[in-house]
Amino acid sequence: MRIWNKDMECQDGEELAQLQLERLQSTLNRAYKNVPFYRNCLGEACMDPSSVRSLADLKMVPLTSREELSQNYPYGLFAVPLKDIVRIHTATGTGSNPTVSGYTNTDLGNWTEMVARALTAAGVRADDIIQICFDTGLANWAREFMRGAEAIRASVIPMTTLEIPKQVMVMNDYKTSVLVTSPSYARQLLREMTRMGVNPNSLSLKRALLIGEILSEPGRINLEKALHIHIHGGYGLSEVPGPGIAYDCKERRGLHINEDHFVAEIIDPATHEVLPSGEAGELILTSLTARAFPLIRFRTGDFARIITEICPCSRSFARLESVPGRADHLVVIRGIKLHPQLIHAVMSRTCQGKLPDYVSFVRRLEDLDTLEVLVQVDETCFSDEIKGLEHLVQVARAELEQSLGIPVKVRLVEPGTMDNYRDRLTEILDERVKG
């Protein structure tokens, strides 16, 4: 493997736009030819790929939603034969069907390239020792960061299932210089250091790359002061195709979008109109180089704005600035996107089609994001036997934990408890303090 350089990231704007257009047209043609969903989608819009003659014409193409990904479960959106697929990923969907994405060897190589850019832009070098820590729900991302780190010839401590105290011990004993994790996991590590009496100044840690969740500027500053390190952010999605879509440079003035691999748009989520550069709205992404699983005008649900001015770091890639809120009902817990419909499906199966009154809460307890589902005991859904009630709680918790990869608490409450939430039943209420 070669040491990564940033020649492509500093490409002339006109050359980059021409490269994007060529790759966009190739992607549209391949999707139209090989993916029935996109062929039907474009046909219903009375257009074919030849109608897109400029990047501005992309706005004529219909949007793709998460619901449509679930509807085409499992392989309906693959653009290559299964024999060419070398990896299959599964992510939580919006209902009973998960989202399934596939990758060819070429796709994995592109993914490694994007992650290598993110690491080098953050100042990671070949002589660094990188420790990767995520909750199990982001295990796929951990694997790709390992590959990206190996591509720049850094030393890597891969993700393991060690408990937090052991992670702190490894960080100290192995002389970790770079930490790759989520903001919530970083807060847990800091809390454990304090409990163990480990002074961050005694560590070799110099910087961290925190991804999977939005980290506010005050939150970043607090963690930097506490850990005495530089913190860089990043942006990724499980659908297109994980970490490395956008990344911080040393200037930290917005996340550089890998524009040779993606076209990014900002739309008004209500009207679907494309908004001018600099205005905030919903982020739409179109993959340009994905062979197995091309996604066209995918609605991320994330609010953001795009900055097109050249960054002082000399990279010509446009930058992404996160904006609080979402355009959909998803809630992000430890990097996992959870849709209310998923909980709805689990509760419906658990109660054999009869849906009890319930409401879900996301809370931050001692720097740990948790999901708790309160279920009201209802004679139409529950038996009077204690064993029956305990079984329901166990089944619901096990199914939710299996789907999400994070701990879940399910608690039965007495009749009448849901009266205060009558207008919010089946929703996910986020009670975390942002930061």
Protein backbone atom coordinates (compact mmCIF):
# COMPACT_ATOMS: atom_id res chain seq x y z
CA MET A 1 0.00 0.00 0.00
CA ARG A 2 1.14 3.54 -0.66
CA ILE A 3 1.22 6.56 1.62
CA TRP A 4 -1.79 8.72 0.85
CA ASN A 5 -1.43 12.15 -0.82
CA LYS A 6 -4.03 14.84 -1.33
CA ASP A 7 -3.60 15.64 -5.06
CA MET A 8 -7.23 14.80 -5.87
CA GLU A 9 -8.47 16.83 -2.92
CA CYS A 10 -6.79 19.96 -4.34
CA GLN A 11 -7.99 19.47 -7.91
CA ASP A 12 -9.07 22.49 -9.97
CA GLY A 13 -12.78 23.22 -9.55
CA GLU A 14 -13.67 22.90 -13.26
CA GLU A 15 -11.77 19.63 -13.58
CA LEU A 16 -13.49 18.26 -10.50
CA ALA A 17 -16.93 19.26 -11.83
CA GLN A 18 -16.20 17.52 -15.14
CA LEU A 19 -15.07 14.38 -13.31
CA GLN A 20 -18.25 14.45 -11.21
CA LEU A 21 -20.44 14.79 -14.30
CA GLU A 22 -18.74 11.90 -16.09
CA ARG A 23 -19.06 9.67 -13.06
CA LEU A 24 -22.65 10.77 -12.45
CA GLN A 25 -23.68 9.89 -16.00
CA SER A 26 -21.96 6.51 -15.70
CA THR A 27 -23.72 5.83 -12.39
CA LEU A 28 -27.13 6.79 -13.77
CA ASN A 29 -26.67 4.60 -16.83
CA ARG A 30 -25.54 1.63 -14.75
CA ALA A 31 -28.41 2.02 -12.27
CA TYR A 32 -30.97 2.42 -15.07
CA LYS A 33 -29.70 -0.70 -16.81
CA ASN A 34 -29.21 -2.98 -13.79
CA VAL A 35 -31.56 -1.84 -11.00
CA PRO A 36 -35.31 -2.19 -11.71
CA PHE A 37 -36.17 0.29 -8.95
CA TYR A 38 -34.21 3.09 -10.61
CA ARG A 39 -35.42 2.13 -14.08
CA ASN A 40 -39.01 2.40 -12.88
CA CYS A 41 -38.24 5.51 -10.85
CA LEU A 42 -36.76 7.36 -13.81
CA GLY A 43 -39.45 6.05 -16.12
CA GLU A 44 -42.19 7.43 -13.90
CA ALA A 45 -40.43 10.80 -14.01
CA CYS A 46 -40.53 10.61 -17.84
CA MET A 47 -36.77 10.81 -18.16
CA ASP A 48 -33.76 8.65 -18.89
CA PRO A 49 -30.10 9.08 -17.93
CA SER A 50 -29.31 10.94 -21.17
CA SER A 51 -31.45 13.82 -19.85
CA VAL A 52 -28.78 14.66 -17.29
CA ARG A 53 -26.28 16.74 -19.24
CA SER A 54 -24.96 18.82 -16.34
CA LEU A 55 -24.69 18.58 -12.57
CA ALA A 56 -27.56 21.07 -12.33
CA ASP A 57 -29.80 18.58 -14.18
CA LEU A 58 -29.51 16.14 -11.27
CA LYS A 59 -32.37 17.97 -9.55
CA MET A 60 -34.75 16.46 -12.15
CA VAL A 61 -34.04 12.95 -10.84
CA PRO A 62 -36.47 11.64 -8.15
CA LEU A 63 -35.29 11.32 -4.55
CA THR A 64 -34.57 7.98 -2.84
CA SER A 65 -35.78 7.38 0.74
CA ARG A 66 -34.86 4.96 3.51
CA GLU A 67 -38.33 3.46 3.21
CA GLU A 68 -37.56 2.52 -0.39
CA LEU A 69 -34.32 0.86 0.68
CA SER A 70 -36.30 -1.33 3.10
CA GLN A 71 -38.93 -2.07 0.45
CA ASN A 72 -36.22 -3.48 -1.84
CA TYR A 73 -34.83 -5.81 0.82
CA PRO A 74 -32.55 -7.68 0.51
CA TYR A 75 -30.82 -7.38 -2.89
CA GLY A 76 -33.25 -5.32 -4.98
CA LEU A 77 -30.91 -2.33 -5.30
CA PHE A 78 -27.76 -4.24 -6.20
CA ALA A 79 -26.35 -3.25 -9.60
CA VAL A 80 -23.99 -6.22 -10.01
CA PRO A 81 -24.49 -10.00 -9.81
CA LEU A 82 -24.16 -11.56 -6.35
CA LYS A 83 -21.02 -13.36 -7.51
CA ASP A 84 -19.29 -9.97 -7.69
CA ILE A 85 -20.29 -9.01 -4.14
CA VAL A 86 -17.48 -9.55 -1.61
CA ARG A 87 -19.13 -7.96 1.44
CA ILE A 88 -22.70 -7.47 2.61
CA HIS A 89 -23.63 -4.98 5.33
CA THR A 90 -26.88 -4.71 7.26
CA ALA A 91 -28.17 -1.57 8.97
CA THR A 92 -31.36 -0.80 10.87
CA GLY A 93 -34.16 0.16 8.50
CA THR A 94 -37.36 2.07 9.05
CA GLY A 95 -39.46 -1.00 9.82
CA SER A 96 -39.25 -4.77 9.99
CA ASN A 97 -36.83 -5.00 7.04
CA PRO A 98 -33.23 -3.86 7.57
CA THR A 99 -31.22 -1.98 4.96
CA VAL A 100 -28.82 -4.24 3.07
CA SER A 101 -25.88 -2.87 1.09
CA GLY A 102 -23.27 -4.75 -0.92
CA TYR A 103 -19.71 -4.00 -2.01
CA THR A 104 -17.33 -5.16 -4.69
CA ASN A 105 -13.57 -5.20 -4.22
CA THR A 106 -13.43 -1.88 -6.07
CA ASP A 107 -16.00 -0.40 -3.69
CA LEU A 108 -13.97 -1.47 -0.68
CA GLY A 109 -10.86 0.07 -2.20
CA ASN A 110 -12.66 3.38 -2.67
CA TRP A 111 -13.93 3.21 0.89
CA THR A 112 -10.40 2.66 2.20
CA GLU A 113 -9.25 5.65 0.17
CA MET A 114 -11.89 7.90 1.71
CA VAL A 115 -11.05 6.83 5.26
CA ALA A 116 -7.31 7.27 4.57
CA ARG A 117 -8.05 10.85 3.50
CA ALA A 118 -9.98 11.48 6.70
CA LEU A 119 -7.10 10.22 8.82
CA THR A 120 -4.36 12.13 7.02
CA ALA A 121 -6.42 15.33 6.93
CA ALA A 122 -6.67 15.09 10.72
CA GLY A 123 -2.89 14.90 10.95
CA VAL A 124 -2.49 11.13 11.41
CA ARG A 125 0.83 9.81 10.15
CA ALA A 126 2.59 6.49 9.62
CA ASP A 127 4.32 6.66 13.01
CA ASP A 128 1.01 6.95 14.92
CA ILE A 129 -0.59 4.19 16.98
CA ILE A 130 -4.36 4.22 16.39
CA GLN A 131 -6.84 2.72 18.85
CA ILE A 132 -10.35 2.07 17.51
CA CYS A 133 -13.24 1.86 19.99
CA PHE A 134 -16.93 1.74 19.08
CA ASP A 135 -20.12 0.22 20.40
CA THR A 136 -20.91 -2.99 18.51
CA GLY A 137 -23.47 -1.24 16.30
CA LEU A 138 -20.60 0.51 14.46
CA ALA A 139 -18.38 -2.57 14.09
CA ASN A 140 -18.41 -2.18 10.29
CA TRP A 141 -17.03 1.34 10.59
CA ALA A 142 -14.30 0.11 12.92
CA ARG A 143 -13.20 -2.38 10.27
CA GLU A 144 -12.94 0.32 7.61
CA PHE A 145 -10.94 2.63 9.86
CA MET A 146 -8.53 -0.24 10.42
CA ARG A 147 -8.14 -0.64 6.65
CA GLY A 148 -7.71 3.12 6.17
CA ALA A 149 -5.08 3.27 8.91
CA GLU A 150 -3.21 0.37 7.35
CA ALA A 151 -3.31 2.18 3.99
CA ILE A 152 -1.29 5.05 5.46
CA ARG A 153 0.98 2.52 7.23
CA ALA A 154 0.03 3.54 10.75
CA SER A 155 -0.02 0.99 13.57
CA VAL A 156 -3.54 -0.11 14.49
CA ILE A 157 -5.14 -1.52 17.62
CA PRO A 158 -8.36 -2.95 16.09
CA MET A 159 -11.73 -2.73 17.76
CA THR A 160 -12.27 -5.35 20.45
CA THR A 161 -15.03 -6.09 22.95
CA LEU A 162 -12.93 -4.99 25.92
CA GLU A 163 -14.70 -3.19 28.74
CA ILE A 164 -14.04 0.51 29.22
CA PRO A 165 -11.40 0.10 32.01
CA LYS A 166 -9.42 -2.29 29.79
CA GLN A 167 -9.61 0.18 26.89
CA VAL A 168 -8.08 2.84 29.14
CA MET A 169 -5.38 0.37 30.18
CA VAL A 170 -4.58 -0.43 26.55
CA MET A 171 -4.48 3.28 25.71
CA ASN A 172 -1.91 3.83 28.43
CA ASP A 173 0.21 0.70 28.00
CA TYR A 174 0.28 0.61 24.18
CA LYS A 175 1.10 4.35 23.89
CA THR A 176 -1.96 5.15 21.79
CA SER A 177 -1.48 8.47 19.97
CA VAL A 178 -4.76 8.59 17.98
CA LEU A 179 -8.22 7.56 19.17
CA VAL A 180 -11.02 6.75 16.70
CA THR A 181 -14.42 6.50 18.35
CA SER A 182 -17.80 8.17 18.82
CA PRO A 183 -18.37 11.28 21.00
CA SER A 184 -20.40 9.28 23.52
CA TYR A 185 -17.71 6.58 23.81
CA ALA A 186 -15.06 9.28 24.26
CA ARG A 187 -17.05 10.70 27.17
CA GLN A 188 -17.23 7.24 28.73
CA LEU A 189 -13.45 6.84 28.38
CA LEU A 190 -12.89 10.22 30.03
CA ARG A 191 -15.21 9.32 32.89
CA GLU A 192 -13.37 6.05 33.42
CA MET A 193 -9.97 7.80 33.39
CA THR A 194 -11.21 10.06 36.19
CA ARG A 195 -12.48 7.06 38.17
CA MET A 196 -9.18 5.20 37.70
CA GLY A 197 -7.08 8.25 38.54
CA VAL A 198 -5.44 8.32 35.09
CA ASN A 199 -4.16 11.79 34.21
CA PRO A 200 -4.70 12.44 30.46
CA ASN A 201 -1.37 14.31 30.45
CA SER A 202 0.37 11.04 31.24
CA LEU A 203 -0.92 9.45 28.03
CA SER A 204 0.66 9.56 24.57
CA LEU A 205 -2.72 10.56 23.08
CA LYS A 206 -2.44 13.55 20.72
CA ARG A 207 -5.65 13.59 18.74
CA ALA A 208 -9.01 11.89 18.27
CA LEU A 209 -11.36 11.41 15.33
CA LEU A 210 -14.94 11.36 16.66
CA ILE A 211 -17.72 10.20 14.32
CA GLY A 212 -21.15 8.61 14.35
CA GLU A 213 -22.92 11.40 16.24
CA ILE A 214 -23.14 15.18 16.06
CA LEU A 215 -20.58 16.81 18.35
CA SER A 216 -21.35 20.45 19.14
CA GLU A 217 -18.53 22.98 19.24
CA PRO A 218 -18.88 23.42 23.03
CA GLY A 219 -18.83 19.63 23.37
CA ARG A 220 -15.65 19.44 21.31
CA ILE A 221 -13.98 22.17 23.33
CA ASN A 222 -14.86 20.49 26.62
CA LEU A 223 -13.44 17.15 25.51
CA GLU A 224 -10.28 18.77 24.12
CA LYS A 225 -9.63 20.58 27.40
CA ALA A 226 -10.28 17.49 29.49
CA LEU A 227 -8.17 15.12 27.36
CA HIS A 228 -5.55 17.68 26.25
CA ILE A 229 -5.83 16.63 22.60
CA HIS A 230 -7.00 17.90 19.19
CA ILE A 231 -10.40 16.55 18.14
CA HIS A 232 -11.52 16.16 14.52
CA GLY A 233 -14.96 15.24 13.25
CA GLY A 234 -16.29 13.23 10.34
CA TYR A 235 -19.51 12.28 8.63
CA GLY A 236 -20.74 8.93 7.42
CA LEU A 237 -23.84 6.87 6.74
CA SER A 238 -24.38 3.14 6.89
CA GLU A 239 -26.09 3.29 3.49
CA VAL A 240 -23.61 5.30 1.37
CA PRO A 241 -21.19 3.64 2.32
CA GLY A 242 -20.22 4.23 5.95
CA PRO A 243 -17.47 6.49 7.36
CA GLY A 244 -15.37 8.86 5.30
CA ILE A 245 -18.06 10.69 3.32
CA ALA A 246 -16.81 13.97 4.78
CA TYR A 247 -13.97 14.82 7.16
CA ASP A 248 -12.23 17.58 9.11
CA CYS A 249 -8.94 19.05 8.04
CA LYS A 250 -6.59 20.82 10.46
CA GLU A 251 -8.48 24.10 9.92
CA ARG A 252 -11.70 22.53 11.27
CA ARG A 253 -13.97 24.92 9.37
CA GLY A 254 -16.43 22.35 8.10
CA LEU A 255 -16.13 18.76 6.86
CA HIS A 256 -14.63 18.30 3.39
CA ILE A 257 -16.94 16.19 1.20
CA ASN A 258 -15.24 13.51 -0.90
CA GLU A 259 -16.62 15.13 -4.05
CA ASP A 260 -14.92 12.73 -6.43
CA HIS A 261 -17.10 10.01 -4.86
CA PHE A 262 -20.30 11.96 -4.05
CA VAL A 263 -22.48 14.80 -5.26
CA ALA A 264 -24.04 16.64 -2.33
CA GLU A 265 -27.18 18.79 -2.52
CA ILE A 266 -29.21 20.68 0.05
CA ILE A 267 -32.99 20.70 -0.36
CA ASP A 268 -36.00 22.14 1.39
CA PRO A 269 -37.42 18.96 3.01
CA ALA A 270 -40.99 20.20 2.54
CA THR A 271 -40.86 21.32 -1.12
CA HIS A 272 -37.86 19.21 -2.26
CA GLU A 273 -36.48 22.29 -4.02
CA VAL A 274 -32.68 22.52 -4.23
CA LEU A 275 -31.42 25.38 -2.07
CA PRO A 276 -28.57 27.77 -2.95
CA SER A 277 -25.10 27.24 -1.53
CA GLY A 278 -24.86 28.33 2.09
CA GLU A 279 -28.52 27.78 2.97
CA ALA A 280 -29.48 25.13 5.51
CA GLY A 281 -31.71 22.20 4.61
CA GLU A 282 -31.73 18.42 4.21
CA LEU A 283 -28.56 16.81 2.87
CA ILE A 284 -29.00 14.72 -0.30
CA LEU A 285 -26.20 12.43 -1.48
CA THR A 286 -25.59 10.70 -4.80
CA SER A 287 -22.79 8.13 -5.00
CA LEU A 288 -20.51 8.45 -8.02
CA THR A 289 -18.19 5.47 -7.77
CA ALA A 290 -20.24 2.75 -6.02
CA ARG A 291 -20.38 -0.30 -8.29
CA ALA A 292 -22.55 -2.70 -6.30
CA PHE A 293 -24.93 -0.37 -4.49
CA PRO A 294 -25.37 2.98 -6.25
CA LEU A 295 -27.63 5.41 -4.42
CA ILE A 296 -29.11 8.32 -6.33
CA ARG A 297 -30.33 11.46 -4.55
CA PHE A 298 -30.57 9.67 -1.22
CA ARG A 299 -32.39 11.57 1.53
CA THR A 300 -30.08 11.43 4.54
CA GLY A 301 -32.52 13.18 6.89
CA ASP A 302 -29.60 15.22 8.26
CA PHE A 303 -29.77 19.01 8.29
CA ALA A 304 -26.67 20.75 6.97
CA ARG A 305 -25.34 23.55 4.80
CA ILE A 306 -22.64 23.40 2.12
CA ILE A 307 -19.70 25.82 2.10
CA THR A 308 -18.09 26.25 -1.32
CA GLU A 309 -15.34 28.79 -0.51
CA ILE A 310 -11.82 27.36 -0.77
CA CYS A 311 -10.51 26.21 2.61
CA PRO A 312 -7.19 27.65 3.87
CA CYS A 313 -5.88 24.06 3.87
CA SER A 314 -5.88 24.30 0.02
CA ARG A 315 -8.37 21.46 -0.48
CA SER A 316 -10.89 22.34 -3.18
CA PHE A 317 -13.57 19.93 -1.94
CA ALA A 318 -16.68 21.73 -0.67
CA ARG A 319 -17.35 21.56 3.05
CA LEU A 320 -20.30 20.33 5.06
CA GLU A 321 -21.52 22.14 8.16
CA SER A 322 -23.92 20.27 10.40
CA VAL A 323 -27.12 21.97 11.53
CA PRO A 324 -29.07 20.73 14.60
CA GLY A 325 -32.26 18.75 13.99
CA ARG A 326 -33.46 16.21 11.47
CA ALA A 327 -35.86 16.14 8.54
CA ASP A 328 -37.22 12.74 9.58
CA HIS A 329 -38.15 10.85 12.74
CA LEU A 330 -34.82 9.10 13.20
CA VAL A 331 -32.95 9.40 16.49
CA VAL A 332 -29.20 8.71 16.66
CA ILE A 333 -28.09 6.62 19.64
CA ARG A 334 -24.37 5.82 19.89
CA GLY A 335 -24.06 6.23 16.14
CA ILE A 336 -27.06 4.01 15.37
CA LYS A 337 -30.03 5.58 13.58
CA LEU A 338 -33.27 4.39 15.13
CA HIS A 339 -36.67 4.88 13.50
CA PRO A 340 -39.85 4.72 15.62
CA GLN A 341 -41.28 2.18 13.16
CA LEU A 342 -38.63 -0.35 14.20
CA ILE A 343 -39.83 -0.28 17.82
CA HIS A 344 -43.40 -0.40 16.52
CA ALA A 345 -42.65 -3.58 14.57
CA VAL A 346 -40.96 -5.27 17.55
CA MET A 347 -43.80 -4.42 19.95
CA SER A 348 -46.39 -5.60 17.45
CA ARG A 349 -44.63 -8.96 17.00
CA THR A 350 -44.12 -9.36 20.72
CA CYS A 351 -47.84 -8.79 21.43
CA GLN A 352 -48.95 -10.95 18.47
CA GLY A 353 -50.29 -8.06 16.44
CA LYS A 354 -51.94 -6.21 19.32
CA LEU A 355 -50.13 -2.96 19.97
CA PRO A 356 -50.03 -1.72 23.58
CA ASP A 357 -49.62 1.93 24.52
CA TYR A 358 -45.92 2.69 24.81
CA VAL A 359 -43.47 5.55 24.51
CA SER A 360 -39.68 5.49 24.12
CA PHE A 361 -37.09 7.75 25.73
CA VAL A 362 -33.47 8.42 24.88
CA ARG A 363 -31.56 9.72 27.89
CA ARG A 364 -27.95 10.43 28.75
CA LEU A 365 -26.99 8.89 32.09
CA GLU A 366 -23.40 9.32 33.25
CA ASP A 367 -22.25 10.12 29.70
CA LEU A 368 -23.97 6.99 28.35
CA ASP A 369 -26.86 7.30 25.89
CA THR A 370 -29.61 4.82 26.74
CA LEU A 371 -32.94 3.77 25.25
CA GLU A 372 -35.86 2.99 27.56
CA VAL A 373 -39.27 1.82 26.37
CA LEU A 374 -42.19 2.24 28.77
CA VAL A 375 -45.04 -0.16 27.98
CA GLN A 376 -48.43 0.25 29.63
CA VAL A 377 -50.01 -2.96 30.93
CA ASP A 378 -53.21 -3.49 28.97
CA GLU A 379 -55.63 -6.36 29.48
CA THR A 380 -56.03 -6.75 25.73
CA CYS A 381 -52.31 -7.48 25.29
CA PHE A 382 -51.12 -8.92 28.57
CA SER A 383 -51.98 -11.85 30.76
CA ASP A 384 -52.34 -11.58 34.52
CA GLU A 385 -49.49 -13.98 35.09
CA ILE A 386 -46.20 -12.50 36.24
CA LYS A 387 -44.28 -15.02 34.14
CA GLY A 388 -46.12 -13.85 31.03
CA LEU A 389 -45.27 -10.22 31.72
CA GLU A 390 -41.62 -11.02 32.38
CA HIS A 391 -41.42 -13.04 29.17
CA LEU A 392 -42.80 -10.13 27.13
CA VAL A 393 -40.25 -7.74 28.61
CA GLN A 394 -37.40 -10.16 27.90
CA VAL A 395 -38.47 -10.83 24.31
CA ALA A 396 -38.98 -7.14 23.48
CA ARG A 397 -35.63 -6.18 25.00
CA ALA A 398 -33.77 -9.00 23.25
CA GLU A 399 -35.25 -8.15 19.83
CA LEU A 400 -34.48 -4.45 20.19
CA GLU A 401 -30.93 -5.09 21.37
CA GLN A 402 -30.33 -7.52 18.52
CA SER A 403 -31.61 -5.00 15.97
CA LEU A 404 -29.69 -2.03 17.36
CA GLY A 405 -26.53 -3.44 18.89
CA ILE A 406 -26.96 -1.29 22.04
CA PRO A 407 -28.43 -2.01 25.50
CA VAL A 408 -32.18 -1.37 25.80
CA LYS A 409 -34.39 -1.21 28.88
CA VAL A 410 -38.07 -2.23 28.60
CA ARG A 411 -40.25 -1.40 31.58
CA LEU A 412 -43.92 -2.14 32.22
CA VAL A 413 -45.98 0.66 33.76
CA GLU A 414 -49.44 0.76 35.31
CA PRO A 415 -52.61 1.72 33.39
CA GLY A 416 -53.02 5.48 33.17
CA THR A 417 -49.28 6.20 33.04
CA MET A 418 -49.50 6.96 29.31
CA ASP A 419 -52.18 9.64 29.78
CA ASN A 420 -49.49 12.33 29.91
CA TYR A 421 -48.07 11.12 26.59
CA ARG A 422 -51.35 10.55 24.76
CA ASP A 423 -50.21 12.75 21.82
CA ARG A 424 -46.71 11.22 21.71
CA LEU A 425 -47.46 7.49 21.82
CA THR A 426 -45.11 5.30 19.73
CA GLU A 427 -42.69 8.24 19.36
CA ILE A 428 -39.06 8.39 20.48
CA LEU A 429 -38.58 11.29 22.91
CA ASP A 430 -35.00 12.57 23.01
CA GLU A 431 -34.26 13.95 26.47
CA ARG A 432 -30.48 14.19 26.13
CA VAL A 433 -28.60 17.39 26.82
CA LYS A 434 -26.89 18.22 23.56
CA GLY A 435 -23.11 18.53 23.61
